[in-house]
Amino acid sequence: MSPLLLLAGLLLWIGLTLCFAELRWFARRPLVERLGPYVPGGMARPARAGILSVESFREAVGPLASQLGSQFSRLFGVSEDLDRRLRRVHADLDVTEFRGRQIGWSLGGLGVGSLLAVATAPVLGPAFALVFTLGGMLLAFLLLEQQVTGASDRWKRSVQLELPVVAEQLGMLLASGYSLLAALDRVAQRGSGAVAQDLARVTGRIRQGVSEERALIEWSDLADVDAVDRLVAVLGLNREASDLGRLISAEARGIRRDVHRQLVETMERRGQQVWIPVTVATLLPGVVFIAIPFTSALAAFIQ
């Protein structure tokens, strides 16, 4: 029996064991755990995970998957922490769950690449078989990593585009007599964009006992947007400035000018990129027309 069949059988046995461990008719919980929620204080006791279950497998593989995933990310040039990116986009997964899923996808890619390698090895040779085997694993790993990075970049862009309107709303609310916490809470409840979700987190942190300045600084550090840093610096003057609404309105106009400037730069850059295929399409026939008489003259000179 080949080692590949043994490995496939082992993986199949592990997968079936984990699947059957989630079925009640197969893995029935002990009587003590079933009666636990009805005992005083029993709701706070976590259910005991079996030896062969998804919970125990996650607890055993989670730290290793997190460490390996971080090392691979740094190897491919991703320097920002995964936990920071996940919290920025308000993801439901934590680092351990995401890395576990990423390792699972990598193992799946490794399996698919191995099947392709076995199927094409007699034709393409062992070099391509190695490329298929490692390429499938790396492709699956980098695909999920790129999804998180792309989501983080899109979130930062959304925050930057929404911030001028939100800053103007905060300025009007503060000028009309709202406190800073009340203004932040109203914008968070009435809005539905990226900034509104971030402000909902800020107000939640304030209700947990964190000071307003500290909660806003945490948002600024997590958002990683220069406009947010400037707005937070202005909001930090809440207890010192008497005309904070005017300052926030001025900052909103400055943020809007920055967004407009970036938009103009993007439009000009894309306008310049349009000329690249036109230039290439023009140069190629010109090079051909120049090469023909040049070749004829060179041939006559050689003779």
C-alpha atoms as a PDB file:
ATOM      1  CA  MET A   1       0.000   0.000   0.000  1.00  0.00           C
ATOM      2  CA  SER A   2       1.435   3.367  -1.028  1.00  0.00           C
ATOM      3  CA  PRO A   3       2.162   6.090   1.583  1.00  0.00           C
ATOM      4  CA  LEU A   4      -0.316   8.396  -0.168  1.00  0.00           C
ATOM      5  CA  LEU A   5      -3.186   5.967   0.448  1.00  0.00           C
ATOM      6  CA  LEU A   6      -2.153   5.614   4.082  1.00  0.00           C
ATOM      7  CA  LEU A   7      -2.121   9.392   4.517  1.00  0.00           C
ATOM      8  CA  ALA A   8      -5.514   9.714   2.800  1.00  0.00           C
ATOM      9  CA  GLY A   9      -6.966   7.000   5.042  1.00  0.00           C
ATOM     10  CA  LEU A  10      -5.606   8.683   8.164  1.00  0.00           C
ATOM     11  CA  LEU A  11      -7.056  12.059   7.191  1.00  0.00           C
ATOM     12  CA  LEU A  12     -10.392  10.413   6.364  1.00  0.00           C
ATOM     13  CA  TRP A  13     -10.475   8.701   9.759  1.00  0.00           C
ATOM     14  CA  ILE A  14      -9.719  11.979  11.579  1.00  0.00           C
ATOM     15  CA  GLY A  15     -12.379  13.847   9.611  1.00  0.00           C
ATOM     16  CA  LEU A  16     -15.063  11.243  10.207  1.00  0.00           C
ATOM     17  CA  THR A  17     -14.211  11.141  13.914  1.00  0.00           C
ATOM     18  CA  LEU A  18     -14.586  14.908  14.237  1.00  0.00           C
ATOM     19  CA  CYS A  19     -17.861  14.869  12.290  1.00  0.00           C
ATOM     20  CA  PHE A  20     -19.372  12.038  14.311  1.00  0.00           C
ATOM     21  CA  ALA A  21     -18.301  13.741  17.551  1.00  0.00           C
ATOM     22  CA  GLU A  22     -20.767  16.553  16.781  1.00  0.00           C
ATOM     23  CA  LEU A  23     -23.748  14.221  16.348  1.00  0.00           C
ATOM     24  CA  ARG A  24     -25.835  13.567  19.464  1.00  0.00           C
ATOM     25  CA  TRP A  25     -26.834  10.047  18.482  1.00  0.00           C
ATOM     26  CA  PHE A  26     -23.187   9.097  18.117  1.00  0.00           C
ATOM     27  CA  ALA A  27     -21.475  11.085  20.893  1.00  0.00           C
ATOM     28  CA  ARG A  28     -24.026  11.332  23.675  1.00  0.00           C
ATOM     29  CA  ARG A  29     -23.080  13.674  26.511  1.00  0.00           C
ATOM     30  CA  PRO A  30     -22.831  12.264  30.031  1.00  0.00           C
ATOM     31  CA  LEU A  31     -25.779  12.614  32.374  1.00  0.00           C
ATOM     32  CA  VAL A  32     -23.863  15.043  34.619  1.00  0.00           C
ATOM     33  CA  GLU A  33     -23.357  17.512  31.768  1.00  0.00           C
ATOM     34  CA  ARG A  34     -26.966  17.222  30.628  1.00  0.00           C
ATOM     35  CA  LEU A  35     -28.272  17.998  34.129  1.00  0.00           C
ATOM     36  CA  GLY A  36     -25.676  20.725  34.765  1.00  0.00           C
ATOM     37  CA  PRO A  37     -27.680  23.687  33.375  1.00  0.00           C
ATOM     38  CA  TYR A  38     -30.533  22.893  35.755  1.00  0.00           C
ATOM     39  CA  VAL A  39     -28.337  22.930  38.877  1.00  0.00           C
ATOM     40  CA  PRO A  40     -27.827  26.285  40.676  1.00  0.00           C
ATOM     41  CA  GLY A  41     -24.667  27.798  39.238  1.00  0.00           C
ATOM     42  CA  GLY A  42     -24.490  25.201  36.498  1.00  0.00           C
ATOM     43  CA  MET A  43     -24.973  27.639  33.606  1.00  0.00           C
ATOM     44  CA  ALA A  44     -21.573  29.166  34.281  1.00  0.00           C
ATOM     45  CA  ARG A  45     -19.789  25.846  33.981  1.00  0.00           C
ATOM     46  CA  PRO A  46     -18.445  25.237  30.477  1.00  0.00           C
ATOM     47  CA  ALA A  47     -19.277  21.945  28.852  1.00  0.00           C
ATOM     48  CA  ARG A  48     -16.490  19.442  29.002  1.00  0.00           C
ATOM     49  CA  ALA A  49     -15.093  18.662  25.581  1.00  0.00           C
ATOM     50  CA  GLY A  50     -14.339  15.083  24.673  1.00  0.00           C
ATOM     51  CA  ILE A  51     -10.932  13.820  23.732  1.00  0.00           C
ATOM     52  CA  LEU A  52     -11.916  13.359  20.092  1.00  0.00           C
ATOM     53  CA  SER A  53     -14.064  16.424  19.389  1.00  0.00           C
ATOM     54  CA  VAL A  54     -13.895  19.657  17.435  1.00  0.00           C
ATOM     55  CA  GLU A  55     -13.355  21.705  20.619  1.00  0.00           C
ATOM     56  CA  SER A  56     -10.418  19.610  21.785  1.00  0.00           C
ATOM     57  CA  PHE A  57      -8.950  19.586  18.283  1.00  0.00           C
ATOM     58  CA  ARG A  58      -9.258  23.387  18.104  1.00  0.00           C
ATOM     59  CA  GLU A  59      -7.634  23.819  21.517  1.00  0.00           C
ATOM     60  CA  ALA A  60      -4.735  21.580  20.514  1.00  0.00           C
ATOM     61  CA  VAL A  61      -4.126  22.890  16.998  1.00  0.00           C
ATOM     62  CA  GLY A  62      -5.142  26.549  17.514  1.00  0.00           C
ATOM     63  CA  PRO A  63      -1.944  27.935  19.113  1.00  0.00           C
ATOM     64  CA  LEU A  64       0.272  26.050  16.647  1.00  0.00           C
ATOM     65  CA  ALA A  65      -1.797  27.242  13.680  1.00  0.00           C
ATOM     66  CA  SER A  66      -1.662  30.828  14.946  1.00  0.00           C
ATOM     67  CA  GLN A  67       2.105  30.752  15.338  1.00  0.00           C
ATOM     68  CA  LEU A  68       2.742  29.084  11.971  1.00  0.00           C
ATOM     69  CA  GLY A  69       0.361  31.474  10.218  1.00  0.00           C
ATOM     70  CA  SER A  70       2.102  34.502  11.695  1.00  0.00           C
ATOM     71  CA  GLN A  71       5.498  33.235  10.591  1.00  0.00           C
ATOM     72  CA  PHE A  72       4.288  32.572   7.041  1.00  0.00           C
ATOM     73  CA  SER A  73       2.647  36.004   6.869  1.00  0.00           C
ATOM     74  CA  ARG A  74       5.871  37.741   7.848  1.00  0.00           C
ATOM     75  CA  LEU A  75       7.740  35.585   5.336  1.00  0.00           C
ATOM     76  CA  PHE A  76       5.541  36.897   2.519  1.00  0.00           C
ATOM     77  CA  GLY A  77       5.814  40.535   3.583  1.00  0.00           C
ATOM     78  CA  VAL A  78       2.651  41.023   5.678  1.00  0.00           C
ATOM     79  CA  SER A  79       3.857  43.041   8.657  1.00  0.00           C
ATOM     80  CA  GLU A  80       0.589  44.213  10.222  1.00  0.00           C
ATOM     81  CA  ASP A  81      -0.792  42.073  13.009  1.00  0.00           C
ATOM     82  CA  LEU A  82      -3.743  39.858  12.079  1.00  0.00           C
ATOM     83  CA  ASP A  83      -5.664  40.690  15.244  1.00  0.00           C
ATOM     84  CA  ARG A  84      -5.440  44.383  14.388  1.00  0.00           C
ATOM     85  CA  ARG A  85      -6.841  43.804  10.881  1.00  0.00           C
ATOM     86  CA  LEU A  86      -9.656  41.583  12.125  1.00  0.00           C
ATOM     87  CA  ARG A  87     -10.706  44.072  14.802  1.00  0.00           C
ATOM     88  CA  ARG A  88     -10.559  46.907  12.278  1.00  0.00           C
ATOM     89  CA  VAL A  89     -13.131  45.271   9.977  1.00  0.00           C
ATOM     90  CA  HIS A  90     -15.272  44.048  12.933  1.00  0.00           C
ATOM     91  CA  ALA A  91     -14.772  40.403  11.980  1.00  0.00           C
ATOM     92  CA  ASP A  92     -16.562  37.679  13.913  1.00  0.00           C
ATOM     93  CA  LEU A  93     -13.466  35.460  13.943  1.00  0.00           C
ATOM     94  CA  ASP A  94     -10.539  35.802  16.296  1.00  0.00           C
ATOM     95  CA  VAL A  95      -6.919  35.097  15.389  1.00  0.00           C
ATOM     96  CA  THR A  96      -6.969  31.433  16.438  1.00  0.00           C
ATOM     97  CA  GLU A  97     -10.135  30.653  14.490  1.00  0.00           C
ATOM     98  CA  PHE A  98      -8.897  32.430  11.376  1.00  0.00           C
ATOM     99  CA  ARG A  99      -5.488  30.777  11.480  1.00  0.00           C
ATOM    100  CA  GLY A 100      -7.127  27.390  12.016  1.00  0.00           C
ATOM    101  CA  ARG A 101      -9.323  27.954   8.989  1.00  0.00           C
ATOM    102  CA  GLN A 102      -6.309  29.130   7.037  1.00  0.00           C
ATOM    103  CA  ILE A 103      -4.325  26.015   7.921  1.00  0.00           C
ATOM    104  CA  GLY A 104      -7.335  23.882   6.993  1.00  0.00           C
ATOM    105  CA  TRP A 105      -7.565  25.530   3.588  1.00  0.00           C
ATOM    106  CA  SER A 106      -3.825  25.059   3.148  1.00  0.00           C
ATOM    107  CA  LEU A 107      -4.129  21.343   3.889  1.00  0.00           C
ATOM    108  CA  GLY A 108      -6.986  21.156   1.406  1.00  0.00           C
ATOM    109  CA  GLY A 109      -4.835  22.894  -1.195  1.00  0.00           C
ATOM    110  CA  LEU A 110      -2.034  20.498  -0.378  1.00  0.00           C
ATOM    111  CA  GLY A 111      -4.380  17.561  -0.974  1.00  0.00           C
ATOM    112  CA  VAL A 112      -5.617  18.923  -4.295  1.00  0.00           C
ATOM    113  CA  GLY A 113      -2.061  19.715  -5.372  1.00  0.00           C
ATOM    114  CA  SER A 114      -0.961  16.223  -4.407  1.00  0.00           C
ATOM    115  CA  LEU A 115      -3.705  14.688  -6.534  1.00  0.00           C
ATOM    116  CA  LEU A 116      -2.670  16.850  -9.486  1.00  0.00           C
ATOM    117  CA  ALA A 117       0.959  15.913  -8.892  1.00  0.00           C
ATOM    118  CA  VAL A 118       0.141  12.190  -8.883  1.00  0.00           C
ATOM    119  CA  ALA A 119      -1.951  12.557 -12.032  1.00  0.00           C
ATOM    120  CA  THR A 120       0.612  14.609 -13.987  1.00  0.00           C
ATOM    121  CA  ALA A 121       3.870  13.154 -12.639  1.00  0.00           C
ATOM    122  CA  PRO A 122       4.330  10.588 -15.473  1.00  0.00           C
ATOM    123  CA  VAL A 123       3.892  13.344 -18.080  1.00  0.00           C
ATOM    124  CA  LEU A 124       5.425  16.484 -16.596  1.00  0.00           C
ATOM    125  CA  GLY A 125       8.002  15.009 -14.253  1.00  0.00           C
ATOM    126  CA  PRO A 126       8.764  15.391 -10.546  1.00  0.00           C
ATOM    127  CA  ALA A 127       9.607  19.102 -10.754  1.00  0.00           C
ATOM    128  CA  PHE A 128       6.080  20.067 -11.770  1.00  0.00           C
ATOM    129  CA  ALA A 129       4.685  17.628  -9.203  1.00  0.00           C
ATOM    130  CA  LEU A 130       6.550  19.505  -6.468  1.00  0.00           C
ATOM    131  CA  VAL A 131       5.272  22.831  -7.822  1.00  0.00           C
ATOM    132  CA  PHE A 132       1.680  21.572  -7.782  1.00  0.00           C
ATOM    133  CA  THR A 133       2.019  20.192  -4.259  1.00  0.00           C
ATOM    134  CA  LEU A 134       3.537  23.273  -2.670  1.00  0.00           C
ATOM    135  CA  GLY A 135       1.734  25.737  -4.923  1.00  0.00           C
ATOM    136  CA  GLY A 136      -1.719  24.527  -3.912  1.00  0.00           C
ATOM    137  CA  MET A 137      -0.903  24.906  -0.228  1.00  0.00           C
ATOM    138  CA  LEU A 138       0.631  28.376  -0.617  1.00  0.00           C
ATOM    139  CA  LEU A 139      -2.170  29.555  -2.903  1.00  0.00           C
ATOM    140  CA  ALA A 140      -4.861  28.617  -0.379  1.00  0.00           C
ATOM    141  CA  PHE A 141      -2.930  30.265   2.463  1.00  0.00           C
ATOM    142  CA  LEU A 142      -2.259  33.496   0.586  1.00  0.00           C
ATOM    143  CA  LEU A 143      -5.811  33.684  -0.737  1.00  0.00           C
ATOM    144  CA  LEU A 144      -7.289  34.014   2.765  1.00  0.00           C
ATOM    145  CA  GLU A 145      -4.491  36.350   3.824  1.00  0.00           C
ATOM    146  CA  GLN A 146      -5.178  38.592   0.857  1.00  0.00           C
ATOM    147  CA  GLN A 147      -8.898  38.617   1.634  1.00  0.00           C
ATOM    148  CA  VAL A 148      -8.249  39.994   5.128  1.00  0.00           C
ATOM    149  CA  THR A 149      -5.728  42.541   3.859  1.00  0.00           C
ATOM    150  CA  GLY A 150      -8.083  43.681   1.103  1.00  0.00           C
ATOM    151  CA  ALA A 151     -10.974  43.998   3.540  1.00  0.00           C
ATOM    152  CA  SER A 152      -8.783  46.069   5.862  1.00  0.00           C
ATOM    153  CA  ASP A 153      -7.726  48.409   3.052  1.00  0.00           C
ATOM    154  CA  ARG A 154     -11.324  48.831   1.875  1.00  0.00           C
ATOM    155  CA  TRP A 155     -12.420  49.609   5.433  1.00  0.00           C
ATOM    156  CA  LYS A 156      -9.748  52.286   5.786  1.00  0.00           C
ATOM    157  CA  ARG A 157     -10.822  53.798   2.485  1.00  0.00           C
ATOM    158  CA  SER A 158     -14.475  53.804   3.578  1.00  0.00           C
ATOM    159  CA  VAL A 159     -13.562  55.508   6.843  1.00  0.00           C
ATOM    160  CA  GLN A 160     -11.630  58.181   5.003  1.00  0.00           C
ATOM    161  CA  LEU A 161     -14.491  58.872   2.589  1.00  0.00           C
ATOM    162  CA  GLU A 162     -17.196  58.936   5.285  1.00  0.00           C
ATOM    163  CA  LEU A 163     -15.243  60.973   7.807  1.00  0.00           C
ATOM    164  CA  PRO A 164     -15.982  64.502   6.431  1.00  0.00           C
ATOM    165  CA  VAL A 165     -19.752  63.990   6.707  1.00  0.00           C
ATOM    166  CA  VAL A 166     -19.467  62.402  10.147  1.00  0.00           C
ATOM    167  CA  ALA A 167     -17.203  65.215  11.363  1.00  0.00           C
ATOM    168  CA  GLU A 168     -19.730  67.817  10.191  1.00  0.00           C
ATOM    169  CA  GLN A 169     -22.505  65.947  12.014  1.00  0.00           C
ATOM    170  CA  LEU A 170     -20.450  65.877  15.207  1.00  0.00           C
ATOM    171  CA  GLY A 171     -19.719  69.587  14.854  1.00  0.00           C
ATOM    172  CA  MET A 172     -23.415  70.449  14.472  1.00  0.00           C
ATOM    173  CA  LEU A 173     -24.426  68.252  17.418  1.00  0.00           C
ATOM    174  CA  LEU A 174     -21.762  69.710  19.699  1.00  0.00           C
ATOM    175  CA  ALA A 175     -22.665  73.247  18.629  1.00  0.00           C
ATOM    176  CA  SER A 176     -26.327  72.579  19.449  1.00  0.00           C
ATOM    177  CA  GLY A 177     -25.518  71.569  23.026  1.00  0.00           C
ATOM    178  CA  TYR A 178     -24.891  67.839  22.903  1.00  0.00           C
ATOM    179  CA  SER A 179     -22.124  66.391  25.034  1.00  0.00           C
ATOM    180  CA  LEU A 180     -19.321  64.495  23.298  1.00  0.00           C
ATOM    181  CA  LEU A 181     -20.606  61.089  24.399  1.00  0.00           C
ATOM    182  CA  ALA A 182     -24.180  61.937  23.371  1.00  0.00           C
ATOM    183  CA  ALA A 183     -22.992  63.188  19.964  1.00  0.00           C
ATOM    184  CA  LEU A 184     -20.894  60.091  19.341  1.00  0.00           C
ATOM    185  CA  ASP A 185     -23.744  57.827  20.421  1.00  0.00           C
ATOM    186  CA  ARG A 186     -26.275  59.596  18.181  1.00  0.00           C
ATOM    187  CA  VAL A 187     -24.033  59.355  15.119  1.00  0.00           C
ATOM    188  CA  ALA A 188     -23.315  55.694  15.866  1.00  0.00           C
ATOM    189  CA  GLN A 189     -27.011  54.845  16.217  1.00  0.00           C
ATOM    190  CA  ARG A 190     -28.249  56.852  13.232  1.00  0.00           C
ATOM    191  CA  GLY A 191     -25.448  55.854  10.857  1.00  0.00           C
ATOM    192  CA  SER A 192     -24.805  52.585   9.053  1.00  0.00           C
ATOM    193  CA  GLY A 193     -21.353  53.012   7.562  1.00  0.00           C
ATOM    194  CA  ALA A 194     -17.850  52.085   8.647  1.00  0.00           C
ATOM    195  CA  VAL A 195     -17.378  55.182  10.847  1.00  0.00           C
ATOM    196  CA  ALA A 196     -20.709  54.562  12.579  1.00  0.00           C
ATOM    197  CA  GLN A 197     -19.650  51.038  13.494  1.00  0.00           C
ATOM    198  CA  ASP A 198     -16.324  52.321  14.787  1.00  0.00           C
ATOM    199  CA  LEU A 199     -18.072  54.970  16.883  1.00  0.00           C
ATOM    200  CA  ALA A 200     -20.406  52.322  18.288  1.00  0.00           C
ATOM    201  CA  ARG A 201     -17.309  50.515  19.521  1.00  0.00           C
ATOM    202  CA  VAL A 202     -15.984  53.787  20.976  1.00  0.00           C
ATOM    203  CA  THR A 203     -19.204  54.450  22.898  1.00  0.00           C
ATOM    204  CA  GLY A 204     -19.209  50.855  24.111  1.00  0.00           C
ATOM    205  CA  ARG A 205     -15.704  51.296  25.483  1.00  0.00           C
ATOM    206  CA  ILE A 206     -16.757  54.520  27.229  1.00  0.00           C
ATOM    207  CA  ARG A 207     -19.692  52.741  28.889  1.00  0.00           C
ATOM    208  CA  GLN A 208     -17.262  50.089  30.092  1.00  0.00           C
ATOM    209  CA  GLY A 209     -15.438  52.755  32.110  1.00  0.00           C
ATOM    210  CA  VAL A 210     -12.764  53.917  29.665  1.00  0.00           C
ATOM    211  CA  SER A 211     -12.329  57.673  29.394  1.00  0.00           C
ATOM    212  CA  GLU A 212     -13.494  59.459  26.270  1.00  0.00           C
ATOM    213  CA  GLU A 213      -9.986  60.498  25.289  1.00  0.00           C
ATOM    214  CA  ARG A 214      -8.638  56.972  25.729  1.00  0.00           C
ATOM    215  CA  ALA A 215     -11.470  55.404  23.710  1.00  0.00           C
ATOM    216  CA  LEU A 216     -10.956  57.880  20.870  1.00  0.00           C
ATOM    217  CA  ILE A 217      -7.191  57.262  20.879  1.00  0.00           C
ATOM    218  CA  GLU A 218      -7.833  53.513  20.651  1.00  0.00           C
ATOM    219  CA  TRP A 219     -10.042  54.144  17.618  1.00  0.00           C
ATOM    220  CA  SER A 220      -7.364  56.334  16.056  1.00  0.00           C
ATOM    221  CA  ASP A 221      -4.669  53.685  16.547  1.00  0.00           C
ATOM    222  CA  LEU A 222      -6.859  50.930  15.151  1.00  0.00           C
ATOM    223  CA  ALA A 223      -8.202  52.879  12.160  1.00  0.00           C
ATOM    224  CA  ASP A 224      -4.702  53.855  10.928  1.00  0.00           C
ATOM    225  CA  VAL A 225      -6.046  56.847   8.964  1.00  0.00           C
ATOM    226  CA  ASP A 226      -4.387  60.256   9.174  1.00  0.00           C
ATOM    227  CA  ALA A 227      -7.707  62.106   9.018  1.00  0.00           C
ATOM    228  CA  VAL A 228      -8.965  60.160  12.039  1.00  0.00           C
ATOM    229  CA  ASP A 229      -5.834  61.137  13.957  1.00  0.00           C
ATOM    230  CA  ARG A 230      -6.464  64.817  13.294  1.00  0.00           C
ATOM    231  CA  LEU A 231     -10.153  64.563  14.175  1.00  0.00           C
ATOM    232  CA  VAL A 232      -9.397  62.740  17.422  1.00  0.00           C
ATOM    233  CA  ALA A 233      -6.853  65.413  18.310  1.00  0.00           C
ATOM    234  CA  VAL A 234      -9.575  68.045  17.896  1.00  0.00           C
ATOM    235  CA  LEU A 235     -12.137  66.003  19.859  1.00  0.00           C
ATOM    236  CA  GLY A 236      -9.574  65.689  22.638  1.00  0.00           C
ATOM    237  CA  LEU A 237     -10.023  69.427  23.255  1.00  0.00           C
ATOM    238  CA  ASN A 238     -13.579  68.838  24.428  1.00  0.00           C
ATOM    239  CA  ARG A 239     -12.898  69.883  28.025  1.00  0.00           C
ATOM    240  CA  GLU A 240     -10.623  72.789  27.082  1.00  0.00           C
ATOM    241  CA  ALA A 241     -12.142  74.537  24.048  1.00  0.00           C
ATOM    242  CA  SER A 242     -15.409  76.448  24.315  1.00  0.00           C
ATOM    243  CA  ASP A 243     -16.132  76.520  20.571  1.00  0.00           C
ATOM    244  CA  LEU A 244     -15.414  72.909  19.651  1.00  0.00           C
ATOM    245  CA  GLY A 245     -18.118  72.777  16.982  1.00  0.00           C
ATOM    246  CA  ARG A 246     -16.357  75.432  14.907  1.00  0.00           C
ATOM    247  CA  LEU A 247     -13.028  73.639  15.193  1.00  0.00           C
ATOM    248  CA  ILE A 248     -14.573  70.335  14.107  1.00  0.00           C
ATOM    249  CA  SER A 249     -16.286  72.006  11.140  1.00  0.00           C
ATOM    250  CA  ALA A 250     -12.959  73.489  10.056  1.00  0.00           C
ATOM    251  CA  GLU A 251     -11.318  70.075  10.392  1.00  0.00           C
ATOM    252  CA  ALA A 252     -14.136  68.526   8.339  1.00  0.00           C
ATOM    253  CA  ARG A 253     -13.466  71.003   5.537  1.00  0.00           C
ATOM    254  CA  GLY A 254      -9.775  70.120   5.670  1.00  0.00           C
ATOM    255  CA  ILE A 255     -10.540  66.381   5.477  1.00  0.00           C
ATOM    256  CA  ARG A 256     -12.855  67.001   2.536  1.00  0.00           C
ATOM    257  CA  ARG A 257     -10.111  68.893   0.705  1.00  0.00           C
ATOM    258  CA  ASP A 258      -7.692  66.016   1.295  1.00  0.00           C
ATOM    259  CA  VAL A 259     -10.198  63.479  -0.052  1.00  0.00           C
ATOM    260  CA  HIS A 260     -10.846  65.670  -3.098  1.00  0.00           C
ATOM    261  CA  ARG A 261      -7.111  66.014  -3.714  1.00  0.00           C
ATOM    262  CA  GLN A 262      -6.621  62.244  -3.561  1.00  0.00           C
ATOM    263  CA  LEU A 263      -9.550  61.730  -5.915  1.00  0.00           C
ATOM    264  CA  VAL A 264      -8.052  64.156  -8.445  1.00  0.00           C
ATOM    265  CA  GLU A 265      -4.688  62.398  -8.206  1.00  0.00           C
ATOM    266  CA  THR A 266      -6.346  59.047  -8.836  1.00  0.00           C
ATOM    267  CA  MET A 267      -8.215  60.391 -11.855  1.00  0.00           C
ATOM    268  CA  GLU A 268      -5.043  61.889 -13.328  1.00  0.00           C
ATOM    269  CA  ARG A 269      -3.118  58.679 -12.734  1.00  0.00           C
ATOM    270  CA  ARG A 270      -5.780  56.599 -14.453  1.00  0.00           C
ATOM    271  CA  GLY A 271      -5.901  59.099 -17.290  1.00  0.00           C
ATOM    272  CA  GLN A 272      -2.169  58.647 -17.799  1.00  0.00           C
ATOM    273  CA  GLN A 273      -2.529  54.867 -17.715  1.00  0.00           C
ATOM    274  CA  VAL A 274      -4.931  55.048 -20.652  1.00  0.00           C
ATOM    275  CA  TRP A 275      -2.099  56.224 -22.884  1.00  0.00           C
ATOM    276  CA  ILE A 276       0.112  53.220 -22.146  1.00  0.00           C
ATOM    277  CA  PRO A 277      -1.591  50.779 -24.567  1.00  0.00           C
ATOM    278  CA  VAL A 278      -1.950  53.595 -27.138  1.00  0.00           C
ATOM    279  CA  THR A 279       1.774  54.314 -26.923  1.00  0.00           C
ATOM    280  CA  VAL A 280       2.688  50.649 -27.209  1.00  0.00           C
ATOM    281  CA  ALA A 281       0.341  50.179 -30.169  1.00  0.00           C
ATOM    282  CA  THR A 282       1.946  53.183 -31.879  1.00  0.00           C
ATOM    283  CA  LEU A 283       5.564  52.268 -31.201  1.00  0.00           C
ATOM    284  CA  LEU A 284       5.400  48.679 -32.409  1.00  0.00           C
ATOM    285  CA  PRO A 285       4.500  49.480 -36.044  1.00  0.00           C
ATOM    286  CA  GLY A 286       7.024  52.312 -35.998  1.00  0.00           C
ATOM    287  CA  VAL A 287       9.773  49.980 -34.838  1.00  0.00           C
ATOM    288  CA  VAL A 288       8.860  47.508 -37.588  1.00  0.00           C
ATOM    289  CA  PHE A 289       8.942  50.196 -40.290  1.00  0.00           C
ATOM    290  CA  ILE A 290      12.307  51.453 -39.040  1.00  0.00           C
ATOM    291  CA  ALA A 291      13.791  47.969 -38.709  1.00  0.00           C
ATOM    292  CA  ILE A 292      13.093  46.986 -42.322  1.00  0.00           C
ATOM    293  CA  PRO A 293      15.191  49.713 -44.053  1.00  0.00           C
ATOM    294  CA  PHE A 294      17.798  49.498 -41.308  1.00  0.00           C
ATOM    295  CA  THR A 295      18.188  45.756 -41.905  1.00  0.00           C
ATOM    296  CA  SER A 296      18.396  46.296 -45.694  1.00  0.00           C
ATOM    297  CA  ALA A 297      21.031  49.006 -45.310  1.00  0.00           C
ATOM    298  CA  LEU A 298      23.028  46.863 -42.901  1.00  0.00           C
ATOM    299  CA  ALA A 299      22.892  43.901 -45.285  1.00  0.00           C
ATOM    300  CA  ALA A 300      24.089  46.086 -48.175  1.00  0.00           C
ATOM    301  CA  PHE A 301      26.899  47.448 -46.050  1.00  0.00           C
ATOM    302  CA  ILE A 302      28.026  43.958 -45.055  1.00  0.00           C
ATOM    303  CA  GLN A 303      28.092  42.789 -48.676  1.00  0.00           C
END
